[in-house]
Amino acid sequence: MKRLSLLLIAILTLVVLGILSGIVTQGLEDVARARREQRILEERKIELEQEIERLQQTLDSLRTDPDAVESLARRDLGWIRPGEQVILLATPTPPPTPRPLTGPTPTPILRLRK
């Protein structure tokens, strides 16, 4: 009888330890996932701070430097000064090559009556 009770206590202890192990393992996985997400968010924050700094510098130069305003107007808006001529260079595109009909002819969805 004493052996049976010791065996039951040992089995119960193993079950409890297994459950606790699963809980701890899940918690560690959650912590690792949260740390990865935190690292990604911190990297994104640094990127956004750099972008904000770049945009702030652009804004400051647009407020103080007329050449920056002209450069932006020419680049982004396509503006030109009076008397300047714009030359557009067009590159010819070759006509599309016909594809050979190797498969079955598609059946039309709608047929017109004759």
PDB file of N, CA and C in Angstrom:
ATOM      1  N   MET A   1       0.813  -1.181   0.000  1.00  0.00           N
ATOM      2  CA  MET A   1       0.000   0.000   0.000  1.00  0.00           C
ATOM      3  C   MET A   1       0.868   1.260   0.000  1.00  0.00           C
ATOM      4  N   LYS A   2       1.965   1.199   0.782  1.00  0.00           N
ATOM      5  CA  LYS A   2       2.855   2.339   0.856  1.00  0.00           C
ATOM      6  C   LYS A   2       3.526   2.594  -0.497  1.00  0.00           C
ATOM      7  N   ARG A   3       3.879   1.507  -1.200  1.00  0.00           N
ATOM      8  CA  ARG A   3       4.486   1.651  -2.525  1.00  0.00           C
ATOM      9  C   ARG A   3       3.510   2.276  -3.506  1.00  0.00           C
ATOM     10  N   LEU A   4       2.270   1.911  -3.423  1.00  0.00           N
ATOM     11  CA  LEU A   4       1.252   2.457  -4.321  1.00  0.00           C
ATOM     12  C   LEU A   4       1.094   3.956  -4.089  1.00  0.00           C
ATOM     13  N   SER A   5       1.067   4.371  -2.836  1.00  0.00           N
ATOM     14  CA  SER A   5       0.917   5.799  -2.557  1.00  0.00           C
ATOM     15  C   SER A   5       2.166   6.567  -2.994  1.00  0.00           C
ATOM     16  N   LEU A   6       3.353   5.992  -2.824  1.00  0.00           N
ATOM     17  CA  LEU A   6       4.574   6.656  -3.294  1.00  0.00           C
ATOM     18  C   LEU A   6       4.589   6.748  -4.823  1.00  0.00           C
ATOM     19  N   LEU A   7       4.110   5.702  -5.473  1.00  0.00           N
ATOM     20  CA  LEU A   7       4.032   5.702  -6.931  1.00  0.00           C
ATOM     21  C   LEU A   7       3.056   6.757  -7.416  1.00  0.00           C
ATOM     22  N   LEU A   8       1.910   6.868  -6.760  1.00  0.00           N
ATOM     23  CA  LEU A   8       0.935   7.893  -7.135  1.00  0.00           C
ATOM     24  C   LEU A   8       1.491   9.304  -6.902  1.00  0.00           C
ATOM     25  N   ILE A   9       2.194   9.495  -5.809  1.00  0.00           N
ATOM     26  CA  ILE A   9       2.795  10.798  -5.533  1.00  0.00           C
ATOM     27  C   ILE A   9       3.854  11.119  -6.594  1.00  0.00           C
ATOM     28  N   ALA A  10       4.650  10.139  -6.994  1.00  0.00           N
ATOM     29  CA  ALA A  10       5.672  10.351  -8.017  1.00  0.00           C
ATOM     30  C   ALA A  10       5.037  10.697  -9.354  1.00  0.00           C
ATOM     31  N   ILE A  11       3.971   9.971  -9.716  1.00  0.00           N
ATOM     32  CA  ILE A  11       3.277  10.252 -10.982  1.00  0.00           C
ATOM     33  C   ILE A  11       2.638  11.634 -10.943  1.00  0.00           C
ATOM     34  N   LEU A  12       1.994  11.953  -9.831  1.00  0.00           N
ATOM     35  CA  LEU A  12       1.376  13.268  -9.693  1.00  0.00           C
ATOM     36  C   LEU A  12       2.421  14.375  -9.755  1.00  0.00           C
ATOM     37  N   THR A  13       3.576  14.151  -9.127  1.00  0.00           N
ATOM     38  CA  THR A  13       4.662  15.137  -9.175  1.00  0.00           C
ATOM     39  C   THR A  13       5.160  15.329 -10.598  1.00  0.00           C
ATOM     40  N   LEU A  14       5.315  14.230 -11.353  1.00  0.00           N
ATOM     41  CA  LEU A  14       5.754  14.334 -12.748  1.00  0.00           C
ATOM     42  C   LEU A  14       4.736  15.083 -13.609  1.00  0.00           C
ATOM     43  N   VAL A  15       3.462  14.823 -13.377  1.00  0.00           N
ATOM     44  CA  VAL A  15       2.411  15.520 -14.133  1.00  0.00           C
ATOM     45  C   VAL A  15       2.455  17.012 -13.829  1.00  0.00           C
ATOM     46  N   VAL A  16       2.564  17.361 -12.556  1.00  0.00           N
ATOM     47  CA  VAL A  16       2.615  18.778 -12.168  1.00  0.00           C
ATOM     48  C   VAL A  16       3.852  19.444 -12.757  1.00  0.00           C
ATOM     49  N   LEU A  17       5.002  18.754 -12.688  1.00  0.00           N
ATOM     50  CA  LEU A  17       6.225  19.311 -13.275  1.00  0.00           C
ATOM     51  C   LEU A  17       6.091  19.484 -14.791  1.00  0.00           C
ATOM     52  N   GLY A  18       5.443  18.551 -15.451  1.00  0.00           N
ATOM     53  CA  GLY A  18       5.215  18.668 -16.894  1.00  0.00           C
ATOM     54  C   GLY A  18       4.358  19.870 -17.227  1.00  0.00           C
ATOM     55  N   ILE A  19       3.302  20.068 -16.459  1.00  0.00           N
ATOM     56  CA  ILE A  19       2.424  21.217 -16.689  1.00  0.00           C
ATOM     57  C   ILE A  19       3.182  22.520 -16.450  1.00  0.00           C
ATOM     58  N   LEU A  20       3.918  22.584 -15.348  1.00  0.00           N
ATOM     59  CA  LEU A  20       4.696  23.789 -15.054  1.00  0.00           C
ATOM     60  C   LEU A  20       5.760  24.036 -16.121  1.00  0.00           C
ATOM     61  N   SER A  21       6.356  22.982 -16.616  1.00  0.00           N
ATOM     62  CA  SER A  21       7.361  23.124 -17.674  1.00  0.00           C
ATOM     63  C   SER A  21       6.735  23.719 -18.938  1.00  0.00           C
ATOM     64  N   GLY A  22       5.547  23.251 -19.284  1.00  0.00           N
ATOM     65  CA  GLY A  22       4.849  23.796 -20.453  1.00  0.00           C
ATOM     66  C   GLY A  22       4.517  25.264 -20.281  1.00  0.00           C
ATOM     67  N   ILE A  23       4.095  25.638 -19.072  1.00  0.00           N
ATOM     68  CA  ILE A  23       3.755  27.040 -18.804  1.00  0.00           C
ATOM     69  C   ILE A  23       5.005  27.915 -18.900  1.00  0.00           C
ATOM     70  N   VAL A  24       6.102  27.459 -18.305  1.00  0.00           N
ATOM     71  CA  VAL A  24       7.349  28.236 -18.333  1.00  0.00           C
ATOM     72  C   VAL A  24       7.872  28.352 -19.760  1.00  0.00           C
ATOM     73  N   THR A  25       7.827  27.234 -20.512  1.00  0.00           N
ATOM     74  CA  THR A  25       8.305  27.259 -21.895  1.00  0.00           C
ATOM     75  C   THR A  25       7.493  28.240 -22.727  1.00  0.00           C
ATOM     76  N   GLN A  26       6.180  28.227 -22.567  1.00  0.00           N
ATOM     77  CA  GLN A  26       5.329  29.163 -23.308  1.00  0.00           C
ATOM     78  C   GLN A  26       5.667  30.597 -22.932  1.00  0.00           C
ATOM     79  N   GLY A  27       5.916  30.838 -21.660  1.00  0.00           N
ATOM     80  CA  GLY A  27       6.272  32.178 -21.213  1.00  0.00           C
ATOM     81  C   GLY A  27       7.588  32.646 -21.803  1.00  0.00           C
ATOM     82  N   LEU A  28       8.567  31.734 -21.869  1.00  0.00           N
ATOM     83  CA  LEU A  28       9.848  32.103 -22.465  1.00  0.00           C
ATOM     84  C   LEU A  28       9.718  32.396 -23.951  1.00  0.00           C
ATOM     85  N   GLU A  29       8.881  31.637 -24.638  1.00  0.00           N
ATOM     86  CA  GLU A  29       8.644  31.902 -26.066  1.00  0.00           C
ATOM     87  C   GLU A  29       7.985  33.261 -26.251  1.00  0.00           C
ATOM     88  N   ASP A  30       7.036  33.596 -25.390  1.00  0.00           N
ATOM     89  CA  ASP A  30       6.380  34.903 -25.470  1.00  0.00           C
ATOM     90  C   ASP A  30       7.374  36.035 -25.232  1.00  0.00           C
ATOM     91  N   VAL A  31       8.267  35.853 -24.281  1.00  0.00           N
ATOM     92  CA  VAL A  31       9.282  36.873 -23.995  1.00  0.00           C
ATOM     93  C   VAL A  31      10.216  37.037 -25.190  1.00  0.00           C
ATOM     94  N   ALA A  32      10.650  35.934 -25.783  1.00  0.00           N
ATOM     95  CA  ALA A  32      11.542  36.000 -26.949  1.00  0.00           C
ATOM     96  C   ALA A  32      10.841  36.690 -28.115  1.00  0.00           C
ATOM     97  N   ARG A  33       9.568  36.367 -28.333  1.00  0.00           N
ATOM     98  CA  ARG A  33       8.801  36.991 -29.410  1.00  0.00           C
ATOM     99  C   ARG A  33       8.660  38.496 -29.164  1.00  0.00           C
ATOM    100  N   ALA A  34       8.401  38.871 -27.916  1.00  0.00           N
ATOM    101  CA  ALA A  34       8.263  40.286 -27.576  1.00  0.00           C
ATOM    102  C   ALA A  34       9.581  41.029 -27.776  1.00  0.00           C
ATOM    103  N   ARG A  35      10.690  40.387 -27.440  1.00  0.00           N
ATOM    104  CA  ARG A  35      11.998  41.030 -27.640  1.00  0.00           C
ATOM    105  C   ARG A  35      12.309  41.216 -29.118  1.00  0.00           C
ATOM    106  N   ARG A  36      11.963  40.224 -29.952  1.00  0.00           N
ATOM    107  CA  ARG A  36      12.158  40.368 -31.399  1.00  0.00           C
ATOM    108  C   ARG A  36      11.317  41.518 -31.933  1.00  0.00           C
ATOM    109  N   GLU A  37      10.073  41.577 -31.508  1.00  0.00           N
ATOM    110  CA  GLU A  37       9.194  42.652 -31.955  1.00  0.00           C
ATOM    111  C   GLU A  37       9.715  44.006 -31.479  1.00  0.00           C
ATOM    112  N   GLN A  38      10.221  44.064 -30.265  1.00  0.00           N
ATOM    113  CA  GLN A  38      10.774  45.312 -29.737  1.00  0.00           C
ATOM    114  C   GLN A  38      11.982  45.755 -30.571  1.00  0.00           C
ATOM    115  N   ARG A  39      12.856  44.808 -30.929  1.00  0.00           N
ATOM    116  CA  ARG A  39      14.027  45.138 -31.746  1.00  0.00           C
ATOM    117  C   ARG A  39      13.603  45.680 -33.110  1.00  0.00           C
ATOM    118  N   ILE A  40      12.606  45.044 -33.722  1.00  0.00           N
ATOM    119  CA  ILE A  40      12.126  45.496 -35.028  1.00  0.00           C
ATOM    120  C   ILE A  40      11.535  46.897 -34.919  1.00  0.00           C
ATOM    121  N   LEU A  41      10.760  47.130 -33.870  1.00  0.00           N
ATOM    122  CA  LEU A  41      10.154  48.447 -33.688  1.00  0.00           C
ATOM    123  C   LEU A  41      11.205  49.520 -33.399  1.00  0.00           C
ATOM    124  N   GLU A  42      12.244  49.175 -32.654  1.00  0.00           N
ATOM    125  CA  GLU A  42      13.308  50.140 -32.392  1.00  0.00           C
ATOM    126  C   GLU A  42      14.068  50.484 -33.664  1.00  0.00           C
ATOM    127  N   GLU A  43      14.304  49.482 -34.526  1.00  0.00           N
ATOM    128  CA  GLU A  43      14.951  49.748 -35.814  1.00  0.00           C
ATOM    129  C   GLU A  43      14.077  50.644 -36.677  1.00  0.00           C
ATOM    130  N   ARG A  44      12.789  50.388 -36.688  1.00  0.00           N
ATOM    131  CA  ARG A  44      11.856  51.219 -37.469  1.00  0.00           C
ATOM    132  C   ARG A  44      11.827  52.643 -36.920  1.00  0.00           C
ATOM    133  N   LYS A  45      11.899  52.765 -35.595  1.00  0.00           N
ATOM    134  CA  LYS A  45      11.918  54.083 -34.965  1.00  0.00           C
ATOM    135  C   LYS A  45      13.147  54.869 -35.411  1.00  0.00           C
ATOM    136  N   ILE A  46      14.307  54.210 -35.452  1.00  0.00           N
ATOM    137  CA  ILE A  46      15.539  54.868 -35.897  1.00  0.00           C
ATOM    138  C   ILE A  46      15.406  55.315 -37.341  1.00  0.00           C
ATOM    139  N   GLU A  47      14.848  54.448 -38.201  1.00  0.00           N
ATOM    140  CA  GLU A  47      14.646  54.808 -39.611  1.00  0.00           C
ATOM    141  C   GLU A  47      13.738  56.023 -39.725  1.00  0.00           C
ATOM    142  N   LEU A  48      12.654  56.033 -38.964  1.00  0.00           N
ATOM    143  CA  LEU A  48      11.718  57.157 -39.030  1.00  0.00           C
ATOM    144  C   LEU A  48      12.346  58.440 -38.495  1.00  0.00           C
ATOM    145  N   GLU A  49      13.157  58.331 -37.447  1.00  0.00           N
ATOM    146  CA  GLU A  49      13.841  59.518 -36.925  1.00  0.00           C
ATOM    147  C   GLU A  49      14.813  60.085 -37.952  1.00  0.00           C
ATOM    148  N   GLN A  50      15.513  59.212 -38.680  1.00  0.00           N
ATOM    149  CA  GLN A  50      16.408  59.672 -39.737  1.00  0.00           C
ATOM    150  C   GLN A  50      15.627  60.342 -40.860  1.00  0.00           C
ATOM    151  N   GLU A  51      14.489  59.776 -41.217  1.00  0.00           N
ATOM    152  CA  GLU A  51      13.640  60.368 -42.257  1.00  0.00           C
ATOM    153  C   GLU A  51      13.127  61.729 -41.809  1.00  0.00           C
ATOM    154  N   ILE A  52      12.735  61.844 -40.554  1.00  0.00           N
ATOM    155  CA  ILE A  52      12.266  63.122 -40.026  1.00  0.00           C
ATOM    156  C   ILE A  52      13.397  64.148 -40.092  1.00  0.00           C
ATOM    157  N   GLU A  53      14.601  63.750 -39.724  1.00  0.00           N
ATOM    158  CA  GLU A  53      15.752  64.663 -39.767  1.00  0.00           C
ATOM    159  C   GLU A  53      16.023  65.122 -41.195  1.00  0.00           C
ATOM    160  N   ARG A  54      15.969  64.174 -42.143  1.00  0.00           N
ATOM    161  CA  ARG A  54      16.199  64.528 -43.552  1.00  0.00           C
ATOM    162  C   ARG A  54      15.136  65.502 -44.043  1.00  0.00           C
ATOM    163  N   LEU A  55      13.883  65.234 -43.715  1.00  0.00           N
ATOM    164  CA  LEU A  55      12.797  66.117 -44.133  1.00  0.00           C
ATOM    165  C   LEU A  55      12.897  67.483 -43.457  1.00  0.00           C
ATOM    166  N   GLN A  56      13.338  67.503 -42.206  1.00  0.00           N
ATOM    167  CA  GLN A  56      13.512  68.776 -41.496  1.00  0.00           C
ATOM    168  C   GLN A  56      14.612  69.607 -42.157  1.00  0.00           C
ATOM    169  N   GLN A  57      15.698  68.958 -42.562  1.00  0.00           N
ATOM    170  CA  GLN A  57      16.768  69.660 -43.261  1.00  0.00           C
ATOM    171  C   GLN A  57      16.280  70.210 -44.594  1.00  0.00           C
ATOM    172  N   THR A  58      15.488  69.420 -45.316  1.00  0.00           N
ATOM    173  CA  THR A  58      14.921  69.893 -46.581  1.00  0.00           C
ATOM    174  C   THR A  58      14.025  71.090 -46.344  1.00  0.00           C
ATOM    175  N   LEU A  59      13.188  71.017 -45.331  1.00  0.00           N
ATOM    176  CA  LEU A  59      12.287  72.117 -45.016  1.00  0.00           C
ATOM    177  C   LEU A  59      13.063  73.379 -44.633  1.00  0.00           C
ATOM    178  N   ASP A  60      14.095  73.211 -43.818  1.00  0.00           N
ATOM    179  CA  ASP A  60      14.915  74.366 -43.428  1.00  0.00           C
ATOM    180  C   ASP A  60      15.588  74.998 -44.642  1.00  0.00           C
ATOM    181  N   SER A  61      16.123  74.166 -45.538  1.00  0.00           N
ATOM    182  CA  SER A  61      16.782  74.713 -46.724  1.00  0.00           C
ATOM    183  C   SER A  61      15.777  75.389 -47.650  1.00  0.00           C
ATOM    184  N   LEU A  62      14.545  74.863 -47.720  1.00  0.00           N
ATOM    185  CA  LEU A  62      13.524  75.508 -48.552  1.00  0.00           C
ATOM    186  C   LEU A  62      13.119  76.866 -47.977  1.00  0.00           C
ATOM    187  N   ARG A  63      13.186  77.009 -46.656  1.00  0.00           N
ATOM    188  CA  ARG A  63      12.838  78.283 -46.030  1.00  0.00           C
ATOM    189  C   ARG A  63      13.931  79.330 -46.208  1.00  0.00           C
ATOM    190  N   THR A  64      15.179  78.897 -46.341  1.00  0.00           N
ATOM    191  CA  THR A  64      16.287  79.859 -46.331  1.00  0.00           C
ATOM    192  C   THR A  64      17.031  79.973 -47.649  1.00  0.00           C
ATOM    193  N   ASP A  65      16.986  78.962 -48.508  1.00  0.00           N
ATOM    194  CA  ASP A  65      17.824  78.933 -49.712  1.00  0.00           C
ATOM    195  C   ASP A  65      16.957  78.967 -50.973  1.00  0.00           C
ATOM    196  N   PRO A  66      17.009  80.079 -51.735  1.00  0.00           N
ATOM    197  CA  PRO A  66      16.216  80.149 -52.971  1.00  0.00           C
ATOM    198  C   PRO A  66      16.637  79.098 -53.998  1.00  0.00           C
ATOM    199  N   ASP A  67      17.924  78.731 -54.001  1.00  0.00           N
ATOM    200  CA  ASP A  67      18.366  77.702 -54.950  1.00  0.00           C
ATOM    201  C   ASP A  67      17.720  76.348 -54.645  1.00  0.00           C
ATOM    202  N   ALA A  68      17.475  76.077 -53.370  1.00  0.00           N
ATOM    203  CA  ALA A  68      16.814  74.826 -53.003  1.00  0.00           C
ATOM    204  C   ALA A  68      15.371  74.819 -53.488  1.00  0.00           C
ATOM    205  N   VAL A  69      14.715  75.974 -53.390  1.00  0.00           N
ATOM    206  CA  VAL A  69      13.335  76.078 -53.882  1.00  0.00           C
ATOM    207  C   VAL A  69      13.306  75.842 -55.383  1.00  0.00           C
ATOM    208  N   GLU A  70      14.238  76.463 -56.103  1.00  0.00           N
ATOM    209  CA  GLU A  70      14.293  76.290 -57.554  1.00  0.00           C
ATOM    210  C   GLU A  70      14.583  74.837 -57.920  1.00  0.00           C
ATOM    211  N   SER A  71      15.515  74.234 -57.205  1.00  0.00           N
ATOM    212  CA  SER A  71      15.863  72.842 -57.475  1.00  0.00           C
ATOM    213  C   SER A  71      14.658  71.922 -57.270  1.00  0.00           C
ATOM    214  N   LEU A  72      13.933  72.154 -56.182  1.00  0.00           N
ATOM    215  CA  LEU A  72      12.753  71.335 -55.913  1.00  0.00           C
ATOM    216  C   LEU A  72      11.674  71.559 -56.971  1.00  0.00           C
ATOM    217  N   ALA A  73      11.482  72.819 -57.362  1.00  0.00           N
ATOM    218  CA  ALA A  73      10.470  73.113 -58.378  1.00  0.00           C
ATOM    219  C   ALA A  73      10.824  72.472 -59.714  1.00  0.00           C
ATOM    220  N   ARG A  74      12.091  72.498 -60.062  1.00  0.00           N
ATOM    221  CA  ARG A  74      12.504  71.887 -61.329  1.00  0.00           C
ATOM    222  C   ARG A  74      12.386  70.362 -61.268  1.00  0.00           C
ATOM    223  N   ARG A  75      12.853  69.780 -60.165  1.00  0.00           N
ATOM    224  CA  ARG A  75      12.876  68.321 -60.063  1.00  0.00           C
ATOM    225  C   ARG A  75      11.480  67.725 -59.890  1.00  0.00           C
ATOM    226  N   ASP A  76      10.725  68.231 -58.927  1.00  0.00           N
ATOM    227  CA  ASP A  76       9.454  67.593 -58.591  1.00  0.00           C
ATOM    228  C   ASP A  76       8.274  68.120 -59.396  1.00  0.00           C
ATOM    229  N   LEU A  77       8.328  69.384 -59.767  1.00  0.00           N
ATOM    230  CA  LEU A  77       7.184  69.969 -60.465  1.00  0.00           C
ATOM    231  C   LEU A  77       7.418  70.136 -61.960  1.00  0.00           C
ATOM    232  N   GLY A  78       8.662  69.958 -62.403  1.00  0.00           N
ATOM    233  CA  GLY A  78       8.962  70.073 -63.817  1.00  0.00           C
ATOM    234  C   GLY A  78       8.939  71.513 -64.318  1.00  0.00           C
ATOM    235  N   TRP A  79       9.137  72.473 -63.442  1.00  0.00           N
ATOM    236  CA  TRP A  79       9.108  73.882 -63.837  1.00  0.00           C
ATOM    237  C   TRP A  79      10.390  74.252 -64.575  1.00  0.00           C
ATOM    238  N   ILE A  80      10.258  75.252 -65.463  1.00  0.00           N
ATOM    239  CA  ILE A  80      11.409  75.796 -66.170  1.00  0.00           C
ATOM    240  C   ILE A  80      11.336  77.317 -66.093  1.00  0.00           C
ATOM    241  N   ARG A  81      12.474  77.948 -66.341  1.00  0.00           N
ATOM    242  CA  ARG A  81      12.516  79.411 -66.355  1.00  0.00           C
ATOM    243  C   ARG A  81      12.014  79.913 -67.702  1.00  0.00           C
ATOM    244  N   PRO A  82      11.515  81.133 -67.729  1.00  0.00           N
ATOM    245  CA  PRO A  82      11.111  81.713 -69.013  1.00  0.00           C
ATOM    246  C   PRO A  82      12.309  81.762 -69.958  1.00  0.00           C
ATOM    247  N   GLY A  83      12.075  81.366 -71.185  1.00  0.00           N
ATOM    248  CA  GLY A  83      13.123  81.371 -72.193  1.00  0.00           C
ATOM    249  C   GLY A  83      13.870  80.057 -72.304  1.00  0.00           C
ATOM    250  N   GLU A  84      13.749  79.172 -71.355  1.00  0.00           N
ATOM    251  CA  GLU A  84      14.409  77.881 -71.446  1.00  0.00           C
ATOM    252  C   GLU A  84      13.604  76.956 -72.347  1.00  0.00           C
ATOM    253  N   GLN A  85      14.287  76.045 -72.968  1.00  0.00           N
ATOM    254  CA  GLN A  85      13.617  75.071 -73.817  1.00  0.00           C
ATOM    255  C   GLN A  85      13.790  73.680 -73.211  1.00  0.00           C
ATOM    256  N   VAL A  86      12.729  72.923 -73.262  1.00  0.00           N
ATOM    257  CA  VAL A  86      12.766  71.555 -72.758  1.00  0.00           C
ATOM    258  C   VAL A  86      12.913  70.623 -73.946  1.00  0.00           C
ATOM    259  N   ILE A  87      13.854  69.727 -73.855  1.00  0.00           N
ATOM    260  CA  ILE A  87      14.060  68.735 -74.907  1.00  0.00           C
ATOM    261  C   ILE A  87      13.726  67.371 -74.316  1.00  0.00           C
ATOM    262  N   LEU A  88      12.727  66.741 -74.868  1.00  0.00           N
ATOM    263  CA  LEU A  88      12.334  65.408 -74.418  1.00  0.00           C
ATOM    264  C   LEU A  88      12.914  64.385 -75.380  1.00  0.00           C
ATOM    265  N   LEU A  89      13.666  63.464 -74.858  1.00  0.00           N
ATOM    266  CA  LEU A  89      14.247  62.413 -75.670  1.00  0.00           C
ATOM    267  C   LEU A  89      13.374  61.170 -75.545  1.00  0.00           C
ATOM    268  N   ALA A  90      12.868  60.743 -76.674  1.00  0.00           N
ATOM    269  CA  ALA A  90      12.009  59.562 -76.681  1.00  0.00           C
ATOM    270  C   ALA A  90      12.807  58.385 -77.216  1.00  0.00           C
ATOM    271  N   THR A  91      12.684  57.263 -76.576  1.00  0.00           N
ATOM    272  CA  THR A  91      13.331  56.057 -77.078  1.00  0.00           C
ATOM    273  C   THR A  91      12.269  55.184 -77.724  1.00  0.00           C
ATOM    274  N   PRO A  92      12.532  54.770 -78.948  1.00  0.00           N
ATOM    275  CA  PRO A  92      11.521  53.943 -79.626  1.00  0.00           C
ATOM    276  C   PRO A  92      11.427  52.572 -78.965  1.00  0.00           C
ATOM    277  N   THR A  93      10.220  52.095 -78.918  1.00  0.00           N
ATOM    278  CA  THR A  93      10.011  50.752 -78.387  1.00  0.00           C
ATOM    279  C   THR A  93       9.700  49.821 -79.557  1.00  0.00           C
ATOM    280  N   PRO A  94      10.294  48.656 -79.568  1.00  0.00           N
ATOM    281  CA  PRO A  94      10.025  47.734 -80.671  1.00  0.00           C
ATOM    282  C   PRO A  94       8.592  47.211 -80.581  1.00  0.00           C
ATOM    283  N   PRO A  95       8.000  46.936 -81.749  1.00  0.00           N
ATOM    284  CA  PRO A  95       6.646  46.388 -81.716  1.00  0.00           C
ATOM    285  C   PRO A  95       6.660  45.004 -81.068  1.00  0.00           C
ATOM    286  N   PRO A  96       5.555  44.649 -80.436  1.00  0.00           N
ATOM    287  CA  PRO A  96       5.520  43.326 -79.789  1.00  0.00           C
ATOM    288  C   PRO A  96       5.577  42.214 -80.831  1.00  0.00           C
ATOM    289  N   THR A  97       6.279  41.168 -80.495  1.00  0.00           N
ATOM    290  CA  THR A  97       6.371  40.034 -81.412  1.00  0.00           C
ATOM    291  C   THR A  97       5.154  39.144 -81.199  1.00  0.00           C
ATOM    292  N   PRO A  98       4.555  38.690 -82.291  1.00  0.00           N
ATOM    293  CA  PRO A  98       3.369  37.831 -82.139  1.00  0.00           C
ATOM    294  C   PRO A  98       3.763  36.494 -81.519  1.00  0.00           C
ATOM    295  N   ARG A  99       2.914  36.020 -80.644  1.00  0.00           N
ATOM    296  CA  ARG A  99       3.153  34.726 -80.014  1.00  0.00           C
ATOM    297  C   ARG A  99       2.531  33.624 -80.867  1.00  0.00           C
ATOM    298  N   PRO A 100       3.239  32.532 -81.018  1.00  0.00           N
ATOM    299  CA  PRO A 100       2.670  31.437 -81.816  1.00  0.00           C
ATOM    300  C   PRO A 100       1.508  30.787 -81.070  1.00  0.00           C
ATOM    301  N   LEU A 101       0.525  30.387 -81.841  1.00  0.00           N
ATOM    302  CA  LEU A 101      -0.625  29.683 -81.272  1.00  0.00           C
ATOM    303  C   LEU A 101      -0.288  28.202 -81.192  1.00  0.00           C
ATOM    304  N   THR A 102       0.059  27.751 -80.020  1.00  0.00           N
ATOM    305  CA  THR A 102       0.425  26.345 -79.872  1.00  0.00           C
ATOM    306  C   THR A 102      -0.642  25.566 -79.124  1.00  0.00           C
ATOM    307  N   GLY A 103      -1.431  26.258 -78.328  1.00  0.00           N
ATOM    308  CA  GLY A 103      -2.432  25.567 -77.528  1.00  0.00           C
ATOM    309  C   GLY A 103      -3.771  25.529 -78.242  1.00  0.00           C
ATOM    310  N   PRO A 104      -4.782  25.038 -77.564  1.00  0.00           N
ATOM    311  CA  PRO A 104      -6.120  24.992 -78.160  1.00  0.00           C
ATOM    312  C   PRO A 104      -6.683  26.404 -78.304  1.00  0.00           C
ATOM    313  N   THR A 105      -7.530  26.577 -79.291  1.00  0.00           N
ATOM    314  CA  THR A 105      -8.176  27.865 -79.525  1.00  0.00           C
ATOM    315  C   THR A 105      -9.213  28.087 -78.434  1.00  0.00           C
ATOM    316  N   PRO A 106      -9.156  29.261 -77.777  1.00  0.00           N
ATOM    317  CA  PRO A 106     -10.118  29.504 -76.704  1.00  0.00           C
ATOM    318  C   PRO A 106     -11.533  29.630 -77.233  1.00  0.00           C
ATOM    319  N   THR A 107     -12.466  29.137 -76.481  1.00  0.00           N
ATOM    320  CA  THR A 107     -13.882  29.227 -76.853  1.00  0.00           C
ATOM    321  C   THR A 107     -14.416  30.571 -76.379  1.00  0.00           C
ATOM    322  N   PRO A 108     -15.073  31.346 -77.260  1.00  0.00           N
ATOM    323  CA  PRO A 108     -15.605  32.630 -76.845  1.00  0.00           C
ATOM    324  C   PRO A 108     -16.741  32.445 -75.826  1.00  0.00           C
ATOM    325  N   ILE A 109     -16.858  33.376 -74.931  1.00  0.00           N
ATOM    326  CA  ILE A 109     -17.902  33.300 -73.915  1.00  0.00           C
ATOM    327  C   ILE A 109     -19.246  33.719 -74.526  1.00  0.00           C
ATOM    328  N   LEU A 110     -19.199  34.717 -75.394  1.00  0.00           N
ATOM    329  CA  LEU A 110     -20.431  35.247 -75.978  1.00  0.00           C
ATOM    330  C   LEU A 110     -20.311  35.119 -77.490  1.00  0.00           C
ATOM    331  N   ARG A 111     -21.294  34.545 -78.106  1.00  0.00           N
ATOM    332  CA  ARG A 111     -21.285  34.430 -79.563  1.00  0.00           C
ATOM    333  C   ARG A 111     -22.341  35.336 -80.132  1.00  0.00           C
ATOM    334  N   LEU A 112     -21.993  36.009 -81.209  1.00  0.00           N
ATOM    335  CA  LEU A 112     -22.941  36.892 -81.886  1.00  0.00           C
ATOM    336  C   LEU A 112     -23.754  36.070 -82.874  1.00  0.00           C
ATOM    337  N   ARG A 113     -25.030  36.407 -82.978  1.00  0.00           N
ATOM    338  CA  ARG A 113     -25.901  35.712 -83.941  1.00  0.00           C
ATOM    339  C   ARG A 113     -25.653  36.281 -85.325  1.00  0.00           C
ATOM    340  N   LYS A 114     -25.772  35.428 -86.319  1.00  0.00           N
ATOM    341  CA  LYS A 114     -25.583  35.863 -87.708  1.00  0.00           C
ATOM    342  C   LYS A 114     -26.883  36.190 -88.366  1.00  0.00           C
TER     343      LYS A 114
END
